[in-house]
Amino acid sequence: GWTSAERANLVIFPQIVFIDRVNAEDTHNLGAHGKDCQQWLSGLKDAENKSTYVLADEGFSATSSQDQAILLTAALRFARRYGGYLEVATHNEEFQARHTNDQDVFFYHFEVQFDPDNNEQPVYTRKMKPGRDDSHALNVAVSLGLQKEVISGASHYLKEQLVSLESIDTPAIPKLLRYTPEEREALKKETGD
């Protein structure tokens, strides 16, 4: 939008790009990471040779946390090279750790408080505060009713008291069988697929 002003002490960006969190797109045979890369390709292509303000929600979150940190760092460098600015919402601790001492990177978080009278229910104040904050993922999972066994396993993991895989019930995986093309066609007819 526009507003009238005699003076302003702000940076004017000729272009703003928003890159949202992704979902898989079956129609183009893309998983979530492929779709994520397509969105970044499009968004950053628009940013080339222009001073662009790029906003991203959980960028590159459909891949490993290590790869996410590397890709976000590369996107940050790309935006800087063209005089742009990257603002990203991320829980990626590796990315945050890499840029803690970077004078051009600023960290903010939305304040979350916990109601001690209501089973530590998170209270979202929607107030932006400077600095990093601890993850409250387990508190949120508990408040949403995630199974206690899952919460317990995650708590042990965070304390580096890893749960042995033998203690987790896993379904039996059926043995894979080889079929000839003729046998597959016969099975399709038999099962109606």
C-alpha atoms as a PDB file:
ATOM      1  CA  GLY A   1       0.000   0.000   0.000  1.00  0.00           C
ATOM      2  CA  TRP A   2       0.873   3.634  -0.065  1.00  0.00           C
ATOM      3  CA  THR A   3       0.987   6.363   2.529  1.00  0.00           C
ATOM      4  CA  SER A   4       1.924   9.981   2.353  1.00  0.00           C
ATOM      5  CA  ALA A   5       5.072  10.954   4.220  1.00  0.00           C
ATOM      6  CA  GLU A   6       7.514  13.798   4.108  1.00  0.00           C
ATOM      7  CA  ARG A   7      10.374  11.689   5.486  1.00  0.00           C
ATOM      8  CA  ALA A   8      11.075   8.081   6.426  1.00  0.00           C
ATOM      9  CA  ASN A   9      14.015   6.219   7.932  1.00  0.00           C
ATOM     10  CA  LEU A  10      13.397   2.825   6.433  1.00  0.00           C
ATOM     11  CA  VAL A  11      14.755   0.736   3.642  1.00  0.00           C
ATOM     12  CA  ILE A  12      12.542   0.584   0.592  1.00  0.00           C
ATOM     13  CA  PHE A  13      12.649  -2.761  -1.182  1.00  0.00           C
ATOM     14  CA  PRO A  14      11.467  -2.801  -4.788  1.00  0.00           C
ATOM     15  CA  GLN A  15      10.280  -6.361  -4.335  1.00  0.00           C
ATOM     16  CA  ILE A  16       9.012  -8.624  -1.549  1.00  0.00           C
ATOM     17  CA  VAL A  17       8.955 -12.424  -1.945  1.00  0.00           C
ATOM     18  CA  PHE A  18       7.204 -14.812   0.447  1.00  0.00           C
ATOM     19  CA  ILE A  19       8.185 -18.482   0.412  1.00  0.00           C
ATOM     20  CA  ASP A  20       5.708 -20.579   2.377  1.00  0.00           C
ATOM     21  CA  ARG A  21       5.983 -23.997   3.964  1.00  0.00           C
ATOM     22  CA  VAL A  22       5.380 -26.746   1.432  1.00  0.00           C
ATOM     23  CA  ASN A  23       3.372 -29.903   0.954  1.00  0.00           C
ATOM     24  CA  ALA A  24       4.048 -32.756  -1.429  1.00  0.00           C
ATOM     25  CA  GLU A  25       2.629 -32.303  -4.917  1.00  0.00           C
ATOM     26  CA  ASP A  26       1.689 -35.622  -6.434  1.00  0.00           C
ATOM     27  CA  THR A  27       0.626 -34.189  -9.788  1.00  0.00           C
ATOM     28  CA  HIS A  28       4.233 -33.403 -10.729  1.00  0.00           C
ATOM     29  CA  ASN A  29       5.725 -36.400  -8.947  1.00  0.00           C
ATOM     30  CA  LEU A  30       7.430 -34.118  -6.419  1.00  0.00           C
ATOM     31  CA  GLY A  31       7.964 -34.853  -2.772  1.00  0.00           C
ATOM     32  CA  ALA A  32       7.841 -31.991  -0.289  1.00  0.00           C
ATOM     33  CA  HIS A  33      11.566 -31.231  -0.690  1.00  0.00           C
ATOM     34  CA  GLY A  34      11.260 -31.038  -4.489  1.00  0.00           C
ATOM     35  CA  LYS A  35       8.338 -28.640  -4.168  1.00  0.00           C
ATOM     36  CA  ASP A  36      10.288 -26.642  -1.560  1.00  0.00           C
ATOM     37  CA  CYS A  37      13.222 -26.287  -3.982  1.00  0.00           C
ATOM     38  CA  GLN A  38      10.869 -25.170  -6.754  1.00  0.00           C
ATOM     39  CA  GLN A  39       9.462 -22.422  -4.539  1.00  0.00           C
ATOM     40  CA  TRP A  40      12.946 -21.232  -3.549  1.00  0.00           C
ATOM     41  CA  LEU A  41      14.072 -21.336  -7.187  1.00  0.00           C
ATOM     42  CA  SER A  42      11.168 -19.115  -8.168  1.00  0.00           C
ATOM     43  CA  GLY A  43      11.544 -16.775  -5.181  1.00  0.00           C
ATOM     44  CA  LEU A  44      15.291 -16.361  -5.464  1.00  0.00           C
ATOM     45  CA  LYS A  45      15.144 -16.019  -9.242  1.00  0.00           C
ATOM     46  CA  ASP A  46      12.963 -12.966  -8.684  1.00  0.00           C
ATOM     47  CA  ALA A  47      15.612 -11.684  -6.239  1.00  0.00           C
ATOM     48  CA  GLU A  48      18.557 -11.875  -8.637  1.00  0.00           C
ATOM     49  CA  ASN A  49      20.117  -8.488  -9.351  1.00  0.00           C
ATOM     50  CA  LYS A  50      17.499  -6.714  -7.225  1.00  0.00           C
ATOM     51  CA  SER A  51      17.339  -5.563  -3.651  1.00  0.00           C
ATOM     52  CA  THR A  52      14.623  -7.953  -2.487  1.00  0.00           C
ATOM     53  CA  TYR A  53      13.078  -8.650   0.897  1.00  0.00           C
ATOM     54  CA  VAL A  54      12.633 -12.448   1.120  1.00  0.00           C
ATOM     55  CA  LEU A  55      10.417 -13.894   3.844  1.00  0.00           C
ATOM     56  CA  ALA A  56      10.330 -17.645   4.407  1.00  0.00           C
ATOM     57  CA  ASP A  57       8.423 -19.877   6.794  1.00  0.00           C
ATOM     58  CA  GLU A  58      10.468 -22.925   7.841  1.00  0.00           C
ATOM     59  CA  GLY A  59      12.518 -22.836   4.656  1.00  0.00           C
ATOM     60  CA  PHE A  60      13.855 -26.153   3.385  1.00  0.00           C
ATOM     61  CA  SER A  61      12.122 -27.966   6.261  1.00  0.00           C
ATOM     62  CA  ALA A  62      11.362 -31.028   4.135  1.00  0.00           C
ATOM     63  CA  THR A  63      14.952 -32.260   4.295  1.00  0.00           C
ATOM     64  CA  SER A  64      17.407 -33.152   7.066  1.00  0.00           C
ATOM     65  CA  SER A  65      18.197 -30.488   9.646  1.00  0.00           C
ATOM     66  CA  GLN A  66      21.839 -30.414   8.491  1.00  0.00           C
ATOM     67  CA  ASP A  67      20.872 -29.880   4.853  1.00  0.00           C
ATOM     68  CA  GLN A  68      18.277 -27.308   5.907  1.00  0.00           C
ATOM     69  CA  ALA A  69      20.950 -25.300   7.752  1.00  0.00           C
ATOM     70  CA  ILE A  70      23.284 -25.446   4.748  1.00  0.00           C
ATOM     71  CA  LEU A  71      20.564 -24.418   2.274  1.00  0.00           C
ATOM     72  CA  LEU A  72      19.319 -21.572   4.497  1.00  0.00           C
ATOM     73  CA  THR A  73      22.886 -20.308   4.899  1.00  0.00           C
ATOM     74  CA  ALA A  74      23.370 -20.384   1.115  1.00  0.00           C
ATOM     75  CA  ALA A  75      20.051 -18.546   0.589  1.00  0.00           C
ATOM     76  CA  LEU A  76      21.115 -15.927   3.147  1.00  0.00           C
ATOM     77  CA  ARG A  77      24.422 -15.377   1.312  1.00  0.00           C
ATOM     78  CA  PHE A  78      22.596 -15.203  -2.029  1.00  0.00           C
ATOM     79  CA  ALA A  79      20.205 -12.523  -0.755  1.00  0.00           C
ATOM     80  CA  ARG A  80      23.095 -10.501   0.716  1.00  0.00           C
ATOM     81  CA  ARG A  81      25.072 -10.671  -2.531  1.00  0.00           C
ATOM     82  CA  TYR A  82      22.240  -8.922  -4.367  1.00  0.00           C
ATOM     83  CA  GLY A  83      21.630  -6.334  -1.636  1.00  0.00           C
ATOM     84  CA  GLY A  84      18.598  -8.168  -0.354  1.00  0.00           C
ATOM     85  CA  TYR A  85      17.383  -9.213   3.036  1.00  0.00           C
ATOM     86  CA  LEU A  86      16.276 -12.657   4.214  1.00  0.00           C
ATOM     87  CA  GLU A  87      13.855 -13.071   7.098  1.00  0.00           C
ATOM     88  CA  VAL A  88      13.185 -16.684   7.969  1.00  0.00           C
ATOM     89  CA  ALA A  89      11.135 -18.389  10.658  1.00  0.00           C
ATOM     90  CA  THR A  90      13.058 -21.491  11.640  1.00  0.00           C
ATOM     91  CA  HIS A  91      13.530 -23.882  14.515  1.00  0.00           C
ATOM     92  CA  ASN A  92      16.782 -25.120  13.007  1.00  0.00           C
ATOM     93  CA  GLU A  93      19.289 -24.977  15.842  1.00  0.00           C
ATOM     94  CA  GLU A  94      22.265 -25.661  13.582  1.00  0.00           C
ATOM     95  CA  PHE A  95      21.424 -22.638  11.408  1.00  0.00           C
ATOM     96  CA  GLN A  96      20.987 -20.506  14.522  1.00  0.00           C
ATOM     97  CA  ALA A  97      24.284 -21.711  16.002  1.00  0.00           C
ATOM     98  CA  ARG A  98      26.136 -20.974  12.735  1.00  0.00           C
ATOM     99  CA  HIS A  99      24.920 -17.380  12.762  1.00  0.00           C
ATOM    100  CA  THR A 100      24.936 -16.534  16.481  1.00  0.00           C
ATOM    101  CA  ASN A 101      27.982 -14.274  16.093  1.00  0.00           C
ATOM    102  CA  ASP A 102      27.032 -12.986  12.645  1.00  0.00           C
ATOM    103  CA  GLN A 103      26.538  -9.228  13.074  1.00  0.00           C
ATOM    104  CA  ASP A 104      24.089  -9.110  10.163  1.00  0.00           C
ATOM    105  CA  VAL A 105      21.784 -11.809  11.574  1.00  0.00           C
ATOM    106  CA  PHE A 106      19.273 -11.010  14.289  1.00  0.00           C
ATOM    107  CA  PHE A 107      17.244 -13.509  16.272  1.00  0.00           C
ATOM    108  CA  TYR A 108      13.738 -13.002  17.584  1.00  0.00           C
ATOM    109  CA  HIS A 109      11.149 -15.359  18.979  1.00  0.00           C
ATOM    110  CA  PHE A 110       7.498 -15.253  19.880  1.00  0.00           C
ATOM    111  CA  GLU A 111       7.070 -15.385  23.624  1.00  0.00           C
ATOM    112  CA  VAL A 112       5.445 -18.509  25.037  1.00  0.00           C
ATOM    113  CA  GLN A 113       4.464 -18.766  28.684  1.00  0.00           C
ATOM    114  CA  PHE A 114       3.178 -21.783  30.561  1.00  0.00           C
ATOM    115  CA  ASP A 115       0.164 -21.863  32.846  1.00  0.00           C
ATOM    116  CA  PRO A 116       1.216 -23.830  35.974  1.00  0.00           C
ATOM    117  CA  ASP A 117      -2.432 -24.163  37.054  1.00  0.00           C
ATOM    118  CA  ASN A 118      -3.468 -25.786  33.777  1.00  0.00           C
ATOM    119  CA  ASN A 119      -1.018 -28.686  33.331  1.00  0.00           C
ATOM    120  CA  GLU A 120       1.684 -26.427  31.902  1.00  0.00           C
ATOM    121  CA  GLN A 121      -0.590 -25.439  29.008  1.00  0.00           C
ATOM    122  CA  PRO A 122       1.290 -23.119  26.615  1.00  0.00           C
ATOM    123  CA  VAL A 123       0.006 -19.554  26.446  1.00  0.00           C
ATOM    124  CA  TYR A 124       0.952 -17.814  23.211  1.00  0.00           C
ATOM    125  CA  THR A 125       1.392 -14.101  23.958  1.00  0.00           C
ATOM    126  CA  ARG A 126       2.101 -13.270  20.307  1.00  0.00           C
ATOM    127  CA  LYS A 127       4.764 -10.833  21.502  1.00  0.00           C
ATOM    128  CA  MET A 128       8.005 -10.774  19.564  1.00  0.00           C
ATOM    129  CA  LYS A 129      11.050 -10.774  21.811  1.00  0.00           C
ATOM    130  CA  PRO A 130      14.713 -10.349  20.875  1.00  0.00           C
ATOM    131  CA  GLY A 131      17.023 -13.348  21.054  1.00  0.00           C
ATOM    132  CA  ARG A 132      16.640 -17.080  20.704  1.00  0.00           C
ATOM    133  CA  ASP A 133      14.362 -19.240  22.836  1.00  0.00           C
ATOM    134  CA  ASP A 134      14.299 -22.885  23.773  1.00  0.00           C
ATOM    135  CA  SER A 135      12.032 -25.203  21.852  1.00  0.00           C
ATOM    136  CA  HIS A 136       8.705 -25.862  23.508  1.00  0.00           C
ATOM    137  CA  ALA A 137       7.815 -28.749  21.217  1.00  0.00           C
ATOM    138  CA  LEU A 138       7.373 -31.280  24.026  1.00  0.00           C
ATOM    139  CA  ASN A 139       5.145 -28.935  26.024  1.00  0.00           C
ATOM    140  CA  VAL A 140       2.984 -28.355  22.963  1.00  0.00           C
ATOM    141  CA  ALA A 141       2.863 -32.101  22.209  1.00  0.00           C
ATOM    142  CA  VAL A 142       1.777 -32.835  25.801  1.00  0.00           C
ATOM    143  CA  SER A 143      -0.907 -30.127  25.662  1.00  0.00           C
ATOM    144  CA  LEU A 144      -2.242 -31.634  22.427  1.00  0.00           C
ATOM    145  CA  GLY A 145      -2.462 -35.108  23.983  1.00  0.00           C
ATOM    146  CA  LEU A 146       0.347 -36.953  22.194  1.00  0.00           C
ATOM    147  CA  GLN A 147       0.762 -40.450  23.661  1.00  0.00           C
ATOM    148  CA  LYS A 148       2.738 -40.556  26.916  1.00  0.00           C
ATOM    149  CA  GLU A 149       5.034 -43.267  25.526  1.00  0.00           C
ATOM    150  CA  VAL A 150       6.072 -40.954  22.695  1.00  0.00           C
ATOM    151  CA  ILE A 151       6.605 -38.020  25.076  1.00  0.00           C
ATOM    152  CA  SER A 152       8.654 -40.239  27.405  1.00  0.00           C
ATOM    153  CA  GLY A 153      10.838 -41.487  24.530  1.00  0.00           C
ATOM    154  CA  ALA A 154      11.417 -37.930  23.324  1.00  0.00           C
ATOM    155  CA  SER A 155      12.281 -36.782  26.854  1.00  0.00           C
ATOM    156  CA  HIS A 156      14.822 -39.583  27.204  1.00  0.00           C
ATOM    157  CA  TYR A 157      16.283 -38.680  23.814  1.00  0.00           C
ATOM    158  CA  LEU A 158      16.688 -35.040  24.860  1.00  0.00           C
ATOM    159  CA  LYS A 159      18.522 -36.188  27.975  1.00  0.00           C
ATOM    160  CA  GLU A 160      20.650 -38.425  25.717  1.00  0.00           C
ATOM    161  CA  GLN A 161      19.201 -41.473  27.441  1.00  0.00           C
ATOM    162  CA  LEU A 162      18.388 -43.183  24.201  1.00  0.00           C
ATOM    163  CA  VAL A 163      15.698 -45.821  24.200  1.00  0.00           C
ATOM    164  CA  SER A 164      16.765 -49.166  22.762  1.00  0.00           C
ATOM    165  CA  LEU A 165      14.991 -50.091  19.565  1.00  0.00           C
ATOM    166  CA  GLU A 166      14.144 -53.508  20.997  1.00  0.00           C
ATOM    167  CA  SER A 167      11.847 -51.832  23.545  1.00  0.00           C
ATOM    168  CA  ILE A 168       9.654 -50.372  20.819  1.00  0.00           C
ATOM    169  CA  ASP A 169       6.922 -52.556  19.387  1.00  0.00           C
ATOM    170  CA  THR A 170       7.268 -52.731  15.626  1.00  0.00           C
ATOM    171  CA  PRO A 171       5.018 -54.598  13.243  1.00  0.00           C
ATOM    172  CA  ALA A 172       6.440 -57.595  11.449  1.00  0.00           C
ATOM    173  CA  ILE A 173       7.552 -56.633   7.960  1.00  0.00           C
ATOM    174  CA  PRO A 174       6.428 -59.149   5.379  1.00  0.00           C
ATOM    175  CA  LYS A 175       9.071 -60.698   3.162  1.00  0.00           C
ATOM    176  CA  LEU A 176       9.209 -59.196  -0.314  1.00  0.00           C
ATOM    177  CA  LEU A 177       8.557 -61.687  -3.064  1.00  0.00           C
ATOM    178  CA  ARG A 178       9.661 -61.545  -6.691  1.00  0.00           C
ATOM    179  CA  TYR A 179       6.987 -62.036  -9.339  1.00  0.00           C
ATOM    180  CA  THR A 180       7.308 -62.371 -13.065  1.00  0.00           C
ATOM    181  CA  PRO A 181       5.327 -59.875 -15.174  1.00  0.00           C
ATOM    182  CA  GLU A 182       2.806 -62.644 -15.898  1.00  0.00           C
ATOM    183  CA  GLU A 183       2.369 -63.426 -12.201  1.00  0.00           C
ATOM    184  CA  ARG A 184       1.843 -59.707 -11.441  1.00  0.00           C
ATOM    185  CA  GLU A 185      -0.867 -59.492 -14.100  1.00  0.00           C
ATOM    186  CA  ALA A 186      -2.571 -62.573 -12.675  1.00  0.00           C
ATOM    187  CA  LEU A 187      -2.444 -61.083  -9.157  1.00  0.00           C
ATOM    188  CA  LYS A 188      -3.925 -57.801 -10.435  1.00  0.00           C
ATOM    189  CA  LYS A 189      -6.855 -59.682 -11.973  1.00  0.00           C
ATOM    190  CA  GLU A 190      -7.292 -61.745  -8.811  1.00  0.00           C
ATOM    191  CA  THR A 191      -7.306 -58.732  -6.474  1.00  0.00           C
ATOM    192  CA  GLY A 192      -9.117 -56.346  -8.817  1.00  0.00           C
ATOM    193  CA  ASP A 193      -6.274 -53.798  -8.943  1.00  0.00           C
END
